[in-house]
């Protein structure tokens, strides 16, 4: 369980680092600082893009995961 949690934390950190690298000055204040990292993390976690991180994002992420699983289980002709 600890290995899985560690892997998830590393994956999330990599995702945030990729977002920061992609657009370093996210809030356009002229300085790359911790506020830009916070903005990138919120952007990564806001799955349904409504501007806030809440339980609706968890539900949307779950629905996306279910759709991916359903697509993967289609029979090949």
PDB file of N, CA and C in Angstrom:
ATOM      1  N   UNK A   1       0.822  -1.193   0.000  1.00  0.00           N
ATOM      2  CA  UNK A   1       0.000   0.000   0.000  1.00  0.00           C
ATOM      3  C   UNK A   1       0.868   1.259   0.000  1.00  0.00           C
ATOM      4  N   UNK A   2       1.937   1.225   0.793  1.00  0.00           N
ATOM      5  CA  UNK A   2       2.827   2.386   0.837  1.00  0.00           C
ATOM      6  C   UNK A   2       3.504   2.623  -0.506  1.00  0.00           C
ATOM      7  N   UNK A   3       3.822   1.542  -1.204  1.00  0.00           N
ATOM      8  CA  UNK A   3       4.449   1.667  -2.520  1.00  0.00           C
ATOM      9  C   UNK A   3       3.498   2.324  -3.501  1.00  0.00           C
ATOM     10  N   UNK A   4       2.227   1.917  -3.464  1.00  0.00           N
ATOM     11  CA  UNK A   4       1.223   2.502  -4.353  1.00  0.00           C
ATOM     12  C   UNK A   4       1.028   3.979  -4.055  1.00  0.00           C
ATOM     13  N   UNK A   5       0.944   4.323  -2.779  1.00  0.00           N
ATOM     14  CA  UNK A   5       0.780   5.724  -2.401  1.00  0.00           C
ATOM     15  C   UNK A   5       1.983   6.550  -2.842  1.00  0.00           C
ATOM     16  N   UNK A   6       3.177   6.005  -2.654  1.00  0.00           N
ATOM     17  CA  UNK A   6       4.391   6.696  -3.091  1.00  0.00           C
ATOM     18  C   UNK A   6       4.422   6.896  -4.592  1.00  0.00           C
ATOM     19  N   UNK A   7       3.993   5.878  -5.325  1.00  0.00           N
ATOM     20  CA  UNK A   7       3.947   5.973  -6.785  1.00  0.00           C
ATOM     21  C   UNK A   7       2.948   7.036  -7.232  1.00  0.00           C
ATOM     22  N   UNK A   8       1.794   7.089  -6.578  1.00  0.00           N
ATOM     23  CA  UNK A   8       0.800   8.110  -6.916  1.00  0.00           C
ATOM     24  C   UNK A   8       1.317   9.514  -6.619  1.00  0.00           C
ATOM     25  N   UNK A   9       2.014   9.682  -5.509  1.00  0.00           N
ATOM     26  CA  UNK A   9       2.568  10.996  -5.171  1.00  0.00           C
ATOM     27  C   UNK A   9       3.640  11.422  -6.172  1.00  0.00           C
ATOM     28  N   UNK A  10       4.471  10.488  -6.581  1.00  0.00           N
ATOM     29  CA  UNK A  10       5.496  10.794  -7.577  1.00  0.00           C
ATOM     30  C   UNK A  10       4.854  11.154  -8.914  1.00  0.00           C
ATOM     31  N   UNK A  11       3.811  10.405  -9.298  1.00  0.00           N
ATOM     32  CA  UNK A  11       3.123  10.696 -10.555  1.00  0.00           C
ATOM     33  C   UNK A  11       2.476  12.072 -10.512  1.00  0.00           C
ATOM     34  N   UNK A  12       1.853  12.413  -9.387  1.00  0.00           N
ATOM     35  CA  UNK A  12       1.234  13.737  -9.262  1.00  0.00           C
ATOM     36  C   UNK A  12       2.286  14.835  -9.309  1.00  0.00           C
ATOM     37  N   UNK A  13       3.406  14.632  -8.624  1.00  0.00           N
ATOM     38  CA  UNK A  13       4.482  15.623  -8.635  1.00  0.00           C
ATOM     39  C   UNK A  13       5.038  15.803 -10.049  1.00  0.00           C
ATOM     40  N   UNK A  14       5.157  14.710 -10.788  1.00  0.00           N
ATOM     41  CA  UNK A  14       5.634  14.798 -12.172  1.00  0.00           C
ATOM     42  C   UNK A  14       4.648  15.560 -13.035  1.00  0.00           C
ATOM     43  N   UNK A  15       3.345  15.316 -12.828  1.00  0.00           N
ATOM     44  CA  UNK A  15       2.321  16.021 -13.596  1.00  0.00           C
ATOM     45  C   UNK A  15       2.395  17.524 -13.325  1.00  0.00           C
ATOM     46  N   UNK A  16       2.510  17.915 -12.057  1.00  0.00           N
ATOM     47  CA  UNK A  16       2.602  19.331 -11.695  1.00  0.00           C
ATOM     48  C   UNK A  16       3.871  19.942 -12.278  1.00  0.00           C
ATOM     49  N   UNK A  17       4.986  19.214 -12.209  1.00  0.00           N
ATOM     50  CA  UNK A  17       6.241  19.720 -12.779  1.00  0.00           C
ATOM     51  C   UNK A  17       6.105  19.923 -14.277  1.00  0.00           C
ATOM     52  N   UNK A  18       5.409  18.999 -14.952  1.00  0.00           N
ATOM     53  CA  UNK A  18       5.188  19.145 -16.397  1.00  0.00           C
ATOM     54  C   UNK A  18       4.348  20.373 -16.687  1.00  0.00           C
ATOM     55  N   UNK A  19       3.313  20.614 -15.880  1.00  0.00           N
ATOM     56  CA  UNK A  19       2.465  21.804 -16.069  1.00  0.00           C
ATOM     57  C   UNK A  19       3.274  23.078 -15.857  1.00  0.00           C
ATOM     58  N   UNK A  20       4.130  23.093 -14.833  1.00  0.00           N
ATOM     59  CA  UNK A  20       4.944  24.275 -14.557  1.00  0.00           C
ATOM     60  C   UNK A  20       5.959  24.478 -15.673  1.00  0.00           C
ATOM     61  N   UNK A  21       6.560  23.399 -16.158  1.00  0.00           N
ATOM     62  CA  UNK A  21       7.538  23.497 -17.236  1.00  0.00           C
ATOM     63  C   UNK A  21       6.882  23.979 -18.522  1.00  0.00           C
ATOM     64  N   UNK A  22       5.647  23.531 -18.754  1.00  0.00           N
ATOM     65  CA  UNK A  22       4.922  23.896 -19.967  1.00  0.00           C
ATOM     66  C   UNK A  22       4.627  25.394 -20.001  1.00  0.00           C
ATOM     67  N   UNK A  23       4.177  25.941 -18.906  1.00  0.00           N
ATOM     68  CA  UNK A  23       3.898  27.378 -18.805  1.00  0.00           C
ATOM     69  C   UNK A  23       4.394  27.845 -17.438  1.00  0.00           C
ATOM     70  N   UNK A  24       5.675  28.238 -17.337  1.00  0.00           N
ATOM     71  CA  UNK A  24       6.270  28.538 -16.033  1.00  0.00           C
ATOM     72  C   UNK A  24       5.574  29.642 -15.253  1.00  0.00           C
ATOM     73  N   UNK A  25       5.213  30.735 -15.891  1.00  0.00           N
ATOM     74  CA  UNK A  25       4.587  31.847 -15.182  1.00  0.00           C
ATOM     75  C   UNK A  25       3.074  31.771 -15.389  1.00  0.00           C
ATOM     76  N   UNK A  26       2.423  30.887 -14.647  1.00  0.00           N
ATOM     77  CA  UNK A  26       0.998  30.604 -14.847  1.00  0.00           C
ATOM     78  C   UNK A  26       0.104  31.793 -14.537  1.00  0.00           C
ATOM     79  N   UNK A  27       0.462  32.607 -13.535  1.00  0.00           N
ATOM     80  CA  UNK A  27      -0.408  33.729 -13.175  1.00  0.00           C
ATOM     81  C   UNK A  27       0.038  35.051 -13.795  1.00  0.00           C
ATOM     82  N   UNK A  28       0.997  35.026 -14.700  1.00  0.00           N
ATOM     83  CA  UNK A  28       1.451  36.187 -15.470  1.00  0.00           C
ATOM     84  C   UNK A  28       1.817  37.401 -14.610  1.00  0.00           C
ATOM     85  N   UNK A  29       2.527  37.130 -13.498  1.00  0.00           N
ATOM     86  CA  UNK A  29       2.977  38.252 -12.669  1.00  0.00           C
ATOM     87  C   UNK A  29       4.440  38.601 -12.917  1.00  0.00           C
ATOM     88  N   UNK A  30       5.083  37.904 -13.865  1.00  0.00           N
ATOM     89  CA  UNK A  30       6.459  38.201 -14.215  1.00  0.00           C
ATOM     90  C   UNK A  30       7.493  37.444 -13.416  1.00  0.00           C
ATOM     91  N   UNK A  31       7.067  36.669 -12.427  1.00  0.00           N
ATOM     92  CA  UNK A  31       7.987  35.915 -11.585  1.00  0.00           C
ATOM     93  C   UNK A  31       7.493  34.479 -11.489  1.00  0.00           C
ATOM     94  N   UNK A  32       8.419  33.523 -11.618  1.00  0.00           N
ATOM     95  CA  UNK A  32       8.065  32.119 -11.427  1.00  0.00           C
ATOM     96  C   UNK A  32       8.307  31.791  -9.958  1.00  0.00           C
ATOM     97  N   UNK A  33       7.228  31.527  -9.212  1.00  0.00           N
ATOM     98  CA  UNK A  33       7.337  31.284  -7.778  1.00  0.00           C
ATOM     99  C   UNK A  33       6.351  30.207  -7.330  1.00  0.00           C
ATOM    100  N   UNK A  34       6.197  30.060  -6.024  1.00  0.00           N
ATOM    101  CA  UNK A  34       5.326  29.008  -5.491  1.00  0.00           C
ATOM    102  C   UNK A  34       3.865  29.196  -5.896  1.00  0.00           C
ATOM    103  N   UNK A  35       3.459  30.415  -6.171  1.00  0.00           N
ATOM    104  CA  UNK A  35       2.075  30.656  -6.605  1.00  0.00           C
ATOM    105  C   UNK A  35       1.812  30.005  -7.967  1.00  0.00           C
ATOM    106  N   UNK A  36       2.826  29.985  -8.821  1.00  0.00           N
ATOM    107  CA  UNK A  36       2.679  29.341 -10.124  1.00  0.00           C
ATOM    108  C   UNK A  36       2.545  27.824  -9.967  1.00  0.00           C
ATOM    109  N   UNK A  37       3.302  27.238  -9.039  1.00  0.00           N
ATOM    110  CA  UNK A  37       3.196  25.801  -8.777  1.00  0.00           C
ATOM    111  C   UNK A  37       1.823  25.469  -8.211  1.00  0.00           C
ATOM    112  N   UNK A  38       1.315  26.309  -7.305  1.00  0.00           N
ATOM    113  CA  UNK A  38      -0.019  26.102  -6.740  1.00  0.00           C
ATOM    114  C   UNK A  38      -1.082  26.190  -7.833  1.00  0.00           C
ATOM    115  N   UNK A  39      -0.934  27.142  -8.731  1.00  0.00           N
ATOM    116  CA  UNK A  39      -1.881  27.289  -9.844  1.00  0.00           C
ATOM    117  C   UNK A  39      -1.846  26.056 -10.738  1.00  0.00           C
ATOM    118  N   UNK A  40      -0.655  25.536 -11.026  1.00  0.00           N
ATOM    119  CA  UNK A  40      -0.527  24.343 -11.864  1.00  0.00           C
ATOM    120  C   UNK A  40      -1.141  23.127 -11.179  1.00  0.00           C
ATOM    121  N   UNK A  41      -0.955  23.013  -9.857  1.00  0.00           N
ATOM    122  CA  UNK A  41      -1.532  21.877  -9.124  1.00  0.00           C
ATOM    123  C   UNK A  41      -3.053  21.946  -9.137  1.00  0.00           C
ATOM    124  N   UNK A  42      -3.611  23.136  -8.908  1.00  0.00           N
ATOM    125  CA  UNK A  42      -5.075  23.283  -8.949  1.00  0.00           C
ATOM    126  C   UNK A  42      -5.609  22.992 -10.344  1.00  0.00           C
ATOM    127  N   UNK A  43      -4.885  23.424 -11.358  1.00  0.00           N
ATOM    128  CA  UNK A  43      -5.307  23.167 -12.736  1.00  0.00           C
ATOM    129  C   UNK A  43      -5.286  21.671 -13.035  1.00  0.00           C
ATOM    130  N   UNK A  44      -4.301  20.964 -12.479  1.00  0.00           N
ATOM    131  CA  UNK A  44      -4.211  19.520 -12.686  1.00  0.00           C
ATOM    132  C   UNK A  44      -5.333  18.777 -11.980  1.00  0.00           C
ATOM    133  N   UNK A  45      -5.726  19.250 -10.807  1.00  0.00           N
ATOM    134  CA  UNK A  45      -6.743  18.557 -10.013  1.00  0.00           C
ATOM    135  C   UNK A  45      -8.159  18.921 -10.413  1.00  0.00           C
ATOM    136  N   UNK A  46      -8.350  20.028 -11.105  1.00  0.00           N
ATOM    137  CA  UNK A  46      -9.691  20.466 -11.499  1.00  0.00           C
ATOM    138  C   UNK A  46     -10.098  19.736 -12.769  1.00  0.00           C
ATOM    139  N   UNK A  47     -10.611  18.521 -12.599  1.00  0.00           N
ATOM    140  CA  UNK A  47     -10.902  17.639 -13.729  1.00  0.00           C
ATOM    141  C   UNK A  47     -12.026  18.183 -14.598  1.00  0.00           C
ATOM    142  N   UNK A  48     -13.086  18.711 -13.968  1.00  0.00           N
ATOM    143  CA  UNK A  48     -14.234  19.167 -14.750  1.00  0.00           C
ATOM    144  C   UNK A  48     -14.133  20.637 -15.154  1.00  0.00           C
ATOM    145  N   UNK A  49     -13.016  21.279 -14.862  1.00  0.00           N
ATOM    146  CA  UNK A  49     -12.700  22.654 -15.288  1.00  0.00           C
ATOM    147  C   UNK A  49     -13.786  23.668 -14.904  1.00  0.00           C
ATOM    148  N   UNK A  50     -14.283  23.558 -13.642  1.00  0.00           N
ATOM    149  CA  UNK A  50     -15.267  24.523 -13.170  1.00  0.00           C
ATOM    150  C   UNK A  50     -14.644  25.612 -12.301  1.00  0.00           C
ATOM    151  N   UNK A  51     -13.325  25.569 -12.119  1.00  0.00           N
ATOM    152  CA  UNK A  51     -12.633  26.614 -11.374  1.00  0.00           C
ATOM    153  C   UNK A  51     -12.401  26.296  -9.909  1.00  0.00           C
ATOM    154  N   UNK A  52     -12.907  25.161  -9.426  1.00  0.00           N
ATOM    155  CA  UNK A  52     -12.676  24.788  -8.037  1.00  0.00           C
ATOM    156  C   UNK A  52     -12.439  23.285  -7.943  1.00  0.00           C
ATOM    157  N   UNK A  53     -11.671  22.891  -6.941  1.00  0.00           N
ATOM    158  CA  UNK A  53     -11.374  21.479  -6.713  1.00  0.00           C
ATOM    159  C   UNK A  53     -12.325  20.985  -5.634  1.00  0.00           C
ATOM    160  N   UNK A  54     -13.215  20.052  -6.003  1.00  0.00           N
ATOM    161  CA  UNK A  54     -14.207  19.553  -5.066  1.00  0.00           C
ATOM    162  C   UNK A  54     -14.566  18.106  -5.384  1.00  0.00           C
ATOM    163  N   UNK A  55     -15.599  17.583  -4.741  1.00  0.00           N
ATOM    164  CA  UNK A  55     -15.997  16.189  -4.957  1.00  0.00           C
ATOM    165  C   UNK A  55     -16.486  15.935  -6.378  1.00  0.00           C
ATOM    166  N   UNK A  56     -16.983  16.957  -7.046  1.00  0.00           N
ATOM    167  CA  UNK A  56     -17.416  16.788  -8.435  1.00  0.00           C
ATOM    168  C   UNK A  56     -16.236  16.403  -9.327  1.00  0.00           C
ATOM    169  N   UNK A  57     -15.046  16.881  -8.988  1.00  0.00           N
ATOM    170  CA  UNK A  57     -13.844  16.504  -9.748  1.00  0.00           C
ATOM    171  C   UNK A  57     -13.520  15.029  -9.555  1.00  0.00           C
ATOM    172  N   UNK A  58     -13.701  14.531  -8.341  1.00  0.00           N
ATOM    173  CA  UNK A  58     -13.460  13.111  -8.078  1.00  0.00           C
ATOM    174  C   UNK A  58     -14.444  12.271  -8.872  1.00  0.00           C
ATOM    175  N   UNK A  59     -15.705  12.693  -8.889  1.00  0.00           N
ATOM    176  CA  UNK A  59     -16.724  11.967  -9.637  1.00  0.00           C
ATOM    177  C   UNK A  59     -16.404  11.978 -11.133  1.00  0.00           C
ATOM    178  N   UNK A  60     -15.998  13.138 -11.654  1.00  0.00           N
ATOM    179  CA  UNK A  60     -15.666  13.245 -13.076  1.00  0.00           C
ATOM    180  C   UNK A  60     -14.458  12.379 -13.420  1.00  0.00           C
ATOM    181  N   UNK A  61     -13.471  12.347 -12.536  1.00  0.00           N
ATOM    182  CA  UNK A  61     -12.287  11.513 -12.774  1.00  0.00           C
ATOM    183  C   UNK A  61     -12.672  10.035 -12.774  1.00  0.00           C
ATOM    184  N   UNK A  62     -13.558   9.651 -11.875  1.00  0.00           N
ATOM    185  CA  UNK A  62     -14.022   8.269 -11.833  1.00  0.00           C
ATOM    186  C   UNK A  62     -14.781   7.888 -13.086  1.00  0.00           C
ATOM    187  N   UNK A  63     -15.614   8.799 -13.575  1.00  0.00           N
ATOM    188  CA  UNK A  63     -16.375   8.532 -14.801  1.00  0.00           C
ATOM    189  C   UNK A  63     -15.442   8.385 -16.003  1.00  0.00           C
ATOM    190  N   UNK A  64     -14.395   9.225 -16.052  1.00  0.00           N
ATOM    191  CA  UNK A  64     -13.425   9.116 -17.146  1.00  0.00           C
ATOM    192  C   UNK A  64     -12.690   7.789 -17.087  1.00  0.00           C
ATOM    193  N   UNK A  65     -12.356   7.357 -15.878  1.00  0.00           N
ATOM    194  CA  UNK A  65     -11.649   6.078 -15.732  1.00  0.00           C
ATOM    195  C   UNK A  65     -12.540   4.919 -16.163  1.00  0.00           C
ATOM    196  N   UNK A  66     -13.820   4.981 -15.813  1.00  0.00           N
ATOM    197  CA  UNK A  66     -14.754   3.924 -16.201  1.00  0.00           C
ATOM    198  C   UNK A  66     -14.896   3.878 -17.719  1.00  0.00           C
ATOM    199  N   UNK A  67     -14.966   5.030 -18.358  1.00  0.00           N
ATOM    200  CA  UNK A  67     -15.079   5.074 -19.821  1.00  0.00           C
ATOM    201  C   UNK A  67     -13.842   4.465 -20.485  1.00  0.00           C
ATOM    202  N   UNK A  68     -12.664   4.730 -19.923  1.00  0.00           N
ATOM    203  CA  UNK A  68     -11.437   4.152 -20.480  1.00  0.00           C
ATOM    204  C   UNK A  68     -11.450   2.640 -20.354  1.00  0.00           C
ATOM    205  N   UNK A  69     -11.947   2.141 -19.229  1.00  0.00           N
ATOM    206  CA  UNK A  69     -12.005   0.691 -19.033  1.00  0.00           C
ATOM    207  C   UNK A  69     -12.988   0.076 -20.001  1.00  0.00           C
ATOM    208  N   UNK A  70     -14.137   0.715 -20.190  1.00  0.00           N
ATOM    209  CA  UNK A  70     -15.144   0.186 -21.121  1.00  0.00           C
ATOM    210  C   UNK A  70     -14.598   0.149 -22.538  1.00  0.00           C
ATOM    211  N   UNK A  71     -13.865   1.180 -22.939  1.00  0.00           N
ATOM    212  CA  UNK A  71     -13.290   1.201 -24.284  1.00  0.00           C
ATOM    213  C   UNK A  71     -12.266   0.092 -24.456  1.00  0.00           C
ATOM    214  N   UNK A  72     -11.526  -0.195 -23.398  1.00  0.00           N
ATOM    215  CA  UNK A  72     -10.505  -1.231 -23.466  1.00  0.00           C
ATOM    216  C   UNK A  72     -11.066  -2.638 -23.524  1.00  0.00           C
ATOM    217  N   UNK A  73     -12.300  -2.807 -23.133  1.00  0.00           N
ATOM    218  CA  UNK A  73     -12.902  -4.141 -23.089  1.00  0.00           C
ATOM    219  C   UNK A  73     -13.723  -4.477 -24.319  1.00  0.00           C
ATOM    220  N   UNK A  74     -13.753  -3.612 -25.302  1.00  0.00           N
ATOM    221  CA  UNK A  74     -14.503  -3.935 -26.522  1.00  0.00           C
ATOM    222  C   UNK A  74     -13.867  -5.114 -27.227  1.00  0.00           C
ATOM    223  N   UNK A  75     -14.709  -5.981 -27.752  1.00  0.00           N
ATOM    224  CA  UNK A  75     -14.208  -7.167 -28.438  1.00  0.00           C
ATOM    225  C   UNK A  75     -13.670  -6.796 -29.815  1.00  0.00           C
ATOM    226  N   UNK A  76     -12.577  -7.431 -30.169  1.00  0.00           N
ATOM    227  CA  UNK A  76     -11.995  -7.205 -31.489  1.00  0.00           C
ATOM    228  C   UNK A  76     -12.696  -8.093 -32.498  1.00  0.00           C
ATOM    229  N   UNK A  77     -12.945  -7.540 -33.672  1.00  0.00           N
ATOM    230  CA  UNK A  77     -13.650  -8.295 -34.719  1.00  0.00           C
ATOM    231  C   UNK A  77     -12.668  -8.987 -35.614  1.00  0.00           C
TER     232      UNK A  77
END
